[in-house]
Amino acid sequence: MSQDSYNKNGFYAFLFCMVFTFVFFAWVAFMQPGINLKEIPEGVQGAEQSIASGAVEKAIDVSSVENPWVESEELAAHGNTVYQTNCAICHGAKGLGDGPAGGALNPPPRNLVEGGWKVGGDRIALYKTLQLGIEGTSMAAFSHIPKNDRWALVHFIRSITKDKTKDNDSKVEEFAKTAE
């Protein structure tokens, strides 16, 4: 065997593997349609969304709501959607503080149904909690959520809690106009 010889069959196998790899990558990246995980039930389209309870409700455009601090069923329903996306992982799907990530947190997440608020359960306190978090706990700030979505979340939390604190509507309105 000469010094310049090489394993032609090995070289051809290497070339075949490389070509196959690039063709497969191109197919997966650009042509394969993906896998339907059925996260959105069939027949739900456009402005309708599925919520955790299995019911289908029409989504509302909260960006056009002029006074999002005023409680309404539509905002509370939208708040449920925001809650399921951002909060249920720790607080649980029903707000009982039993979310899958909550078991690892110390102190554990608040049971929103029972309440027992650390910084108050009125609309202003709940909004501030969502905006700033609670220092010394696992409650992070959610200031990245749009303002009207945070108000919707406040309304949803107040709709499920048994520990509803009375609000002063004029104070809430005054706060809301300056809130970020």
Protein backbone atom coordinates (compact mmCIF):
# COMPACT_ATOMS: atom_id res chain seq x y z
CA MET A 1 0.00 0.00 0.00
CA SER A 2 1.39 3.39 -0.96
CA GLN A 3 1.62 6.41 1.27
CA ASP A 4 -0.73 8.43 -1.01
CA SER A 5 -3.55 5.94 -0.89
CA TYR A 6 -6.63 6.52 1.21
CA ASN A 7 -9.76 4.67 2.04
CA LYS A 8 -12.02 5.57 -0.89
CA ASN A 9 -15.04 3.83 0.58
CA GLY A 10 -14.60 5.68 3.88
CA PHE A 11 -14.29 8.97 1.99
CA TYR A 12 -17.49 8.23 0.03
CA ALA A 13 -19.30 7.31 3.26
CA PHE A 14 -18.12 10.59 4.80
CA LEU A 15 -19.34 12.59 1.76
CA PHE A 16 -22.69 10.77 1.79
CA CYS A 17 -23.15 11.54 5.50
CA MET A 18 -22.29 15.21 5.03
CA VAL A 19 -24.65 15.63 2.05
CA PHE A 20 -27.42 13.75 3.87
CA THR A 21 -26.93 15.93 6.97
CA PHE A 22 -27.18 19.20 5.04
CA VAL A 23 -30.18 18.04 3.01
CA PHE A 24 -31.94 16.80 6.16
CA PHE A 25 -31.17 20.08 7.96
CA ALA A 26 -32.56 22.11 5.04
CA TRP A 27 -35.70 19.95 4.95
CA VAL A 28 -36.33 20.30 8.72
CA ALA A 29 -35.55 24.02 8.79
CA PHE A 30 -37.36 25.15 5.66
CA MET A 31 -39.82 22.56 4.40
CA GLN A 32 -41.11 20.43 7.28
CA PRO A 33 -44.36 21.99 8.60
CA GLY A 34 -43.72 21.11 12.24
CA ILE A 35 -45.68 19.13 14.79
CA ASN A 36 -49.13 20.12 15.99
CA LEU A 37 -49.07 19.81 19.78
CA LYS A 38 -52.81 20.58 19.81
CA GLU A 39 -52.27 23.43 22.28
CA ILE A 40 -55.04 25.35 20.52
CA PRO A 41 -58.17 23.24 20.09
CA GLU A 42 -59.30 22.68 16.52
CA GLY A 43 -61.98 25.10 15.40
CA VAL A 44 -60.67 27.94 17.56
CA GLN A 45 -59.49 30.71 15.26
CA GLY A 46 -58.89 34.43 15.05
CA ALA A 47 -59.92 36.42 18.10
CA GLU A 48 -61.03 33.40 20.13
CA GLN A 49 -58.69 31.79 22.62
CA SER A 50 -58.83 28.71 24.78
CA ILE A 51 -58.50 29.23 28.51
CA ALA A 52 -57.48 26.68 31.11
CA SER A 53 -61.02 25.77 32.09
CA GLY A 54 -61.58 24.45 28.59
CA ALA A 55 -64.13 27.12 27.77
CA VAL A 56 -63.64 29.26 24.72
CA GLU A 57 -64.11 32.99 25.12
CA LYS A 58 -63.69 35.91 22.76
CA ALA A 59 -60.49 37.83 23.38
CA ILE A 60 -60.79 41.57 23.77
CA ASP A 61 -58.40 44.24 22.61
CA VAL A 62 -57.38 45.73 25.94
CA SER A 63 -55.17 48.34 24.31
CA SER A 64 -58.30 50.23 23.31
CA VAL A 65 -59.91 50.16 26.78
CA GLU A 66 -59.98 53.75 28.03
CA ASN A 67 -60.30 53.04 31.76
CA PRO A 68 -58.75 49.62 32.41
CA TRP A 69 -58.85 50.15 36.18
CA VAL A 70 -62.66 49.97 36.12
CA GLU A 71 -63.69 46.37 36.83
CA SER A 72 -65.54 44.47 34.10
CA GLU A 73 -66.21 40.84 33.26
CA GLU A 74 -64.46 41.21 29.89
CA LEU A 75 -61.27 42.49 31.52
CA ALA A 76 -61.39 39.74 34.15
CA ALA A 77 -61.77 37.13 31.38
CA HIS A 78 -58.80 38.63 29.55
CA GLY A 79 -56.93 38.69 32.88
CA ASN A 80 -57.51 34.93 33.13
CA THR A 81 -55.73 34.49 29.79
CA VAL A 82 -52.81 36.65 30.97
CA TYR A 83 -52.79 34.75 34.27
CA GLN A 84 -52.63 31.33 32.61
CA THR A 85 -49.69 32.50 30.50
CA ASN A 86 -47.63 34.27 33.17
CA CYS A 87 -48.76 33.30 36.66
CA ALA A 88 -50.20 29.77 36.68
CA ILE A 89 -46.73 28.19 36.60
CA CYS A 90 -46.22 29.31 40.23
CA HIS A 91 -49.71 30.11 41.57
CA GLY A 92 -51.47 27.17 39.87
CA ALA A 93 -54.18 27.12 37.22
CA LYS A 94 -56.89 28.01 39.76
CA GLY A 95 -54.79 30.37 41.90
CA LEU A 96 -54.40 27.99 44.83
CA GLY A 97 -50.61 28.45 45.09
CA ASP A 98 -50.01 24.92 43.81
CA GLY A 99 -48.33 25.54 40.46
CA PRO A 100 -45.62 23.16 39.23
CA ALA A 101 -42.82 25.71 39.78
CA GLY A 102 -44.22 26.82 43.12
CA GLY A 103 -43.03 23.74 44.99
CA ALA A 104 -39.43 24.87 44.66
CA LEU A 105 -40.04 28.41 45.91
CA ASN A 106 -39.44 29.63 49.44
CA PRO A 107 -41.68 31.19 50.58
CA PRO A 108 -44.26 29.34 48.50
CA PRO A 109 -46.52 31.29 46.13
CA ARG A 110 -49.59 32.94 47.58
CA ASN A 111 -52.94 31.18 47.42
CA LEU A 112 -54.78 33.91 45.54
CA VAL A 113 -58.20 32.45 46.34
CA GLU A 114 -57.63 32.67 50.11
CA GLY A 115 -55.78 36.00 49.86
CA GLY A 116 -54.01 37.04 53.05
CA TRP A 117 -52.21 39.82 51.17
CA LYS A 118 -48.75 40.95 52.30
CA VAL A 119 -48.97 44.43 50.80
CA GLY A 120 -52.75 44.77 50.48
CA GLY A 121 -55.45 43.31 48.27
CA ASP A 122 -57.02 46.44 46.81
CA ARG A 123 -56.57 47.23 43.12
CA ILE A 124 -53.69 49.67 43.73
CA ALA A 125 -51.73 47.23 45.91
CA LEU A 126 -52.25 44.33 43.50
CA TYR A 127 -51.18 46.49 40.55
CA LYS A 128 -48.05 47.66 42.41
CA THR A 129 -47.25 44.05 43.30
CA LEU A 130 -47.46 43.06 39.63
CA GLN A 131 -45.39 46.06 38.60
CA LEU A 132 -42.67 45.89 41.28
CA GLY A 133 -42.80 42.38 42.74
CA ILE A 134 -42.36 41.76 46.47
CA GLU A 135 -38.87 42.12 47.86
CA GLY A 136 -37.64 39.15 49.88
CA THR A 137 -40.01 36.73 48.15
CA SER A 138 -40.14 34.84 44.88
CA MET A 139 -42.76 37.26 43.53
CA ALA A 140 -40.99 38.85 40.60
CA ALA A 141 -41.90 42.13 38.93
CA PHE A 142 -44.03 41.80 35.83
CA SER A 143 -43.53 45.34 34.56
CA HIS A 144 -42.83 43.89 31.09
CA ILE A 145 -46.53 43.02 30.81
CA PRO A 146 -48.45 45.91 29.18
CA LYS A 147 -50.26 48.21 31.61
CA ASN A 148 -53.78 47.31 30.49
CA ASP A 149 -52.97 43.59 30.74
CA ARG A 150 -51.77 44.15 34.33
CA TRP A 151 -55.08 45.85 35.13
CA ALA A 152 -56.92 42.90 33.57
CA LEU A 153 -54.82 40.58 35.75
CA VAL A 154 -55.78 42.61 38.83
CA HIS A 155 -59.47 42.21 37.95
CA PHE A 156 -59.04 38.46 37.43
CA ILE A 157 -57.30 38.04 40.80
CA ARG A 158 -60.04 40.04 42.53
CA SER A 159 -62.67 37.91 40.78
CA ILE A 160 -61.28 34.67 42.28
CA THR A 161 -60.28 35.84 45.76
CA LYS A 162 -62.36 35.47 48.89
CA ASP A 163 -60.28 38.19 50.61
CA LYS A 164 -61.49 41.19 48.61
CA THR A 165 -60.34 44.50 50.06
CA LYS A 166 -62.56 47.56 49.57
CA ASP A 167 -61.35 50.16 47.11
CA ASN A 168 -61.74 53.90 46.91
CA ASP A 169 -62.64 54.39 43.24
CA SER A 170 -61.38 57.99 43.11
CA LYS A 171 -57.99 56.97 44.57
CA VAL A 172 -57.75 54.10 42.08
CA GLU A 173 -58.52 56.43 39.19
CA GLU A 174 -55.98 58.99 40.41
CA PHE A 175 -53.33 56.29 40.79
CA ALA A 176 -54.14 54.69 37.43
CA LYS A 177 -53.66 57.91 35.51
CA THR A 178 -50.08 58.22 36.79
CA ALA A 179 -49.19 54.50 36.90
CA GLU A 180 -46.65 53.16 34.45
